[in-house]
């Protein structure tokens, strides 16, 4: 796990990452991936129904 590791704190202290990254959290990333996977499942179901009715 990179976030919270010694390497992460080291990068934050020496400011090697010039991007504001305080708003990025693992929870938001997990939520985005979960939403993406759910949408993908819906689209796959829809595609299957479209081909069956074609």
N, C-alpha and C. Protein backbone atom coordinates (compact mmCIF):
# COMPACT_ATOMS: atom_id res chain seq x y z
N UNK A 1 0.84 -1.17 0.00
CA UNK A 1 0.00 0.00 0.00
C UNK A 1 0.89 1.24 0.00
N UNK A 2 0.82 2.01 -1.05
CA UNK A 2 1.69 3.18 -1.20
C UNK A 2 1.30 4.31 -0.28
N UNK A 3 -0.01 4.62 -0.21
CA UNK A 3 -0.46 5.74 0.61
C UNK A 3 -0.23 5.42 2.08
N UNK A 4 0.46 6.31 2.76
CA UNK A 4 0.76 6.12 4.17
C UNK A 4 2.07 5.39 4.40
N UNK A 5 2.71 4.94 3.33
CA UNK A 5 3.99 4.25 3.48
C UNK A 5 5.11 5.26 3.70
N UNK A 6 6.25 4.75 4.10
CA UNK A 6 7.41 5.63 4.32
C UNK A 6 7.79 6.36 3.04
N UNK A 7 7.70 5.68 1.91
CA UNK A 7 8.05 6.29 0.63
C UNK A 7 7.10 7.45 0.31
N UNK A 8 5.81 7.27 0.60
CA UNK A 8 4.83 8.33 0.35
C UNK A 8 5.17 9.56 1.19
N UNK A 9 5.45 9.35 2.48
CA UNK A 9 5.80 10.48 3.34
C UNK A 9 7.09 11.14 2.88
N UNK A 10 8.03 10.33 2.41
CA UNK A 10 9.29 10.88 1.90
C UNK A 10 9.04 11.78 0.69
N UNK A 11 8.22 11.33 -0.24
CA UNK A 11 7.89 12.15 -1.41
C UNK A 11 7.17 13.42 -1.02
N UNK A 12 6.28 13.33 -0.05
CA UNK A 12 5.52 14.51 0.36
C UNK A 12 6.43 15.53 1.06
N UNK A 13 7.41 15.05 1.81
CA UNK A 13 8.32 15.95 2.52
C UNK A 13 9.24 16.69 1.56
N UNK A 14 9.73 16.01 0.53
CA UNK A 14 10.66 16.67 -0.40
C UNK A 14 9.93 17.27 -1.59
N UNK A 15 8.61 17.13 -1.61
CA UNK A 15 7.76 17.71 -2.64
C UNK A 15 8.18 17.32 -4.06
N UNK A 16 8.44 16.04 -4.25
CA UNK A 16 8.74 15.55 -5.60
C UNK A 16 7.48 15.54 -6.45
N UNK A 17 6.35 15.49 -5.80
CA UNK A 17 5.08 15.46 -6.53
C UNK A 17 4.50 16.87 -6.46
N UNK A 18 4.63 17.67 -7.54
CA UNK A 18 4.18 19.06 -7.50
C UNK A 18 2.67 19.23 -7.69
N UNK A 19 1.92 18.18 -7.49
CA UNK A 19 0.48 18.23 -7.69
C UNK A 19 -0.20 18.16 -6.33
N UNK A 20 -1.24 18.97 -6.15
CA UNK A 20 -2.01 18.88 -4.92
C UNK A 20 -2.71 17.53 -4.91
N UNK A 21 -2.34 16.68 -3.99
CA UNK A 21 -2.93 15.34 -3.99
C UNK A 21 -3.66 15.05 -2.69
N UNK A 22 -3.95 16.06 -1.92
CA UNK A 22 -4.67 15.85 -0.68
C UNK A 22 -6.10 15.43 -0.88
N UNK A 23 -6.67 15.73 -2.05
CA UNK A 23 -8.07 15.36 -2.30
C UNK A 23 -8.21 13.94 -2.81
N UNK A 24 -7.12 13.32 -3.18
CA UNK A 24 -7.17 11.96 -3.68
C UNK A 24 -7.09 10.98 -2.52
N UNK A 25 -8.05 10.13 -2.41
CA UNK A 25 -8.03 9.12 -1.36
C UNK A 25 -8.30 7.77 -1.99
N UNK A 26 -7.94 6.75 -1.26
CA UNK A 26 -8.19 5.40 -1.75
C UNK A 26 -9.69 5.13 -1.82
N UNK A 27 -10.47 5.72 -0.92
CA UNK A 27 -11.91 5.50 -0.93
C UNK A 27 -12.54 6.03 -2.21
N UNK A 28 -12.14 7.21 -2.63
CA UNK A 28 -12.70 7.78 -3.86
C UNK A 28 -12.31 6.94 -5.06
N UNK A 29 -11.09 6.46 -5.09
CA UNK A 29 -10.65 5.61 -6.19
C UNK A 29 -11.44 4.30 -6.19
N UNK A 30 -11.62 3.71 -5.02
CA UNK A 30 -12.39 2.47 -4.91
C UNK A 30 -13.82 2.69 -5.38
N UNK A 31 -14.43 3.80 -4.96
CA UNK A 31 -15.80 4.11 -5.37
C UNK A 31 -15.90 4.27 -6.89
N UNK A 32 -14.91 4.95 -7.48
CA UNK A 32 -14.92 5.15 -8.92
C UNK A 32 -14.80 3.81 -9.66
N UNK A 33 -13.91 2.95 -9.19
CA UNK A 33 -13.73 1.64 -9.83
C UNK A 33 -15.00 0.80 -9.67
N UNK A 34 -15.61 0.87 -8.49
CA UNK A 34 -16.86 0.12 -8.26
C UNK A 34 -17.97 0.61 -9.18
N UNK A 35 -18.10 1.94 -9.30
CA UNK A 35 -19.11 2.50 -10.20
C UNK A 35 -18.85 2.08 -11.64
N UNK A 36 -17.58 2.10 -12.03
CA UNK A 36 -17.20 1.70 -13.39
C UNK A 36 -17.58 0.25 -13.65
N UNK A 37 -17.27 -0.62 -12.69
CA UNK A 37 -17.59 -2.04 -12.85
C UNK A 37 -19.09 -2.27 -12.90
N UNK A 38 -19.84 -1.53 -12.09
CA UNK A 38 -21.30 -1.66 -12.11
C UNK A 38 -21.86 -1.22 -13.46
N UNK A 39 -21.36 -0.10 -13.98
CA UNK A 39 -21.80 0.39 -15.28
C UNK A 39 -21.44 -0.61 -16.38
N UNK A 40 -20.26 -1.17 -16.30
CA UNK A 40 -19.83 -2.17 -17.29
C UNK A 40 -20.78 -3.37 -17.29
N UNK A 41 -21.18 -3.82 -16.10
CA UNK A 41 -22.12 -4.93 -16.00
C UNK A 41 -23.46 -4.60 -16.63
N UNK A 42 -23.95 -3.39 -16.39
CA UNK A 42 -25.22 -2.95 -16.97
C UNK A 42 -25.12 -2.92 -18.49
N UNK A 43 -24.02 -2.38 -19.00
CA UNK A 43 -23.84 -2.30 -20.44
C UNK A 43 -23.71 -3.68 -21.09
N UNK A 44 -23.05 -4.60 -20.41
CA UNK A 44 -22.94 -5.96 -20.94
C UNK A 44 -24.31 -6.64 -20.99
N UNK A 45 -25.11 -6.44 -19.94
CA UNK A 45 -26.48 -7.00 -19.95
C UNK A 45 -27.29 -6.40 -21.09
N UNK A 46 -27.19 -5.10 -21.26
CA UNK A 46 -27.93 -4.42 -22.33
C UNK A 46 -27.49 -4.92 -23.70
N UNK A 47 -26.19 -5.10 -23.88
CA UNK A 47 -25.67 -5.59 -25.15
C UNK A 47 -26.21 -6.99 -25.45
N UNK A 48 -26.23 -7.83 -24.43
CA UNK A 48 -26.76 -9.18 -24.60
C UNK A 48 -28.22 -9.15 -25.02
N UNK A 49 -29.02 -8.32 -24.38
CA UNK A 49 -30.44 -8.20 -24.72
C UNK A 49 -30.62 -7.66 -26.14
N UNK A 50 -29.78 -6.73 -26.54
CA UNK A 50 -29.88 -6.15 -27.88
C UNK A 50 -29.60 -7.21 -28.94
N UNK A 51 -28.59 -8.05 -28.72
CA UNK A 51 -28.26 -9.08 -29.70
C UNK A 51 -29.32 -10.17 -29.75
N UNK A 52 -29.94 -10.48 -28.61
CA UNK A 52 -30.99 -11.50 -28.59
C UNK A 52 -32.22 -11.03 -29.37
N UNK A 53 -32.48 -9.74 -29.34
CA UNK A 53 -33.67 -9.20 -30.00
C UNK A 53 -33.39 -8.71 -31.41
N UNK A 54 -32.19 -8.87 -31.90
CA UNK A 54 -31.82 -8.36 -33.22
C UNK A 54 -32.23 -9.27 -34.31
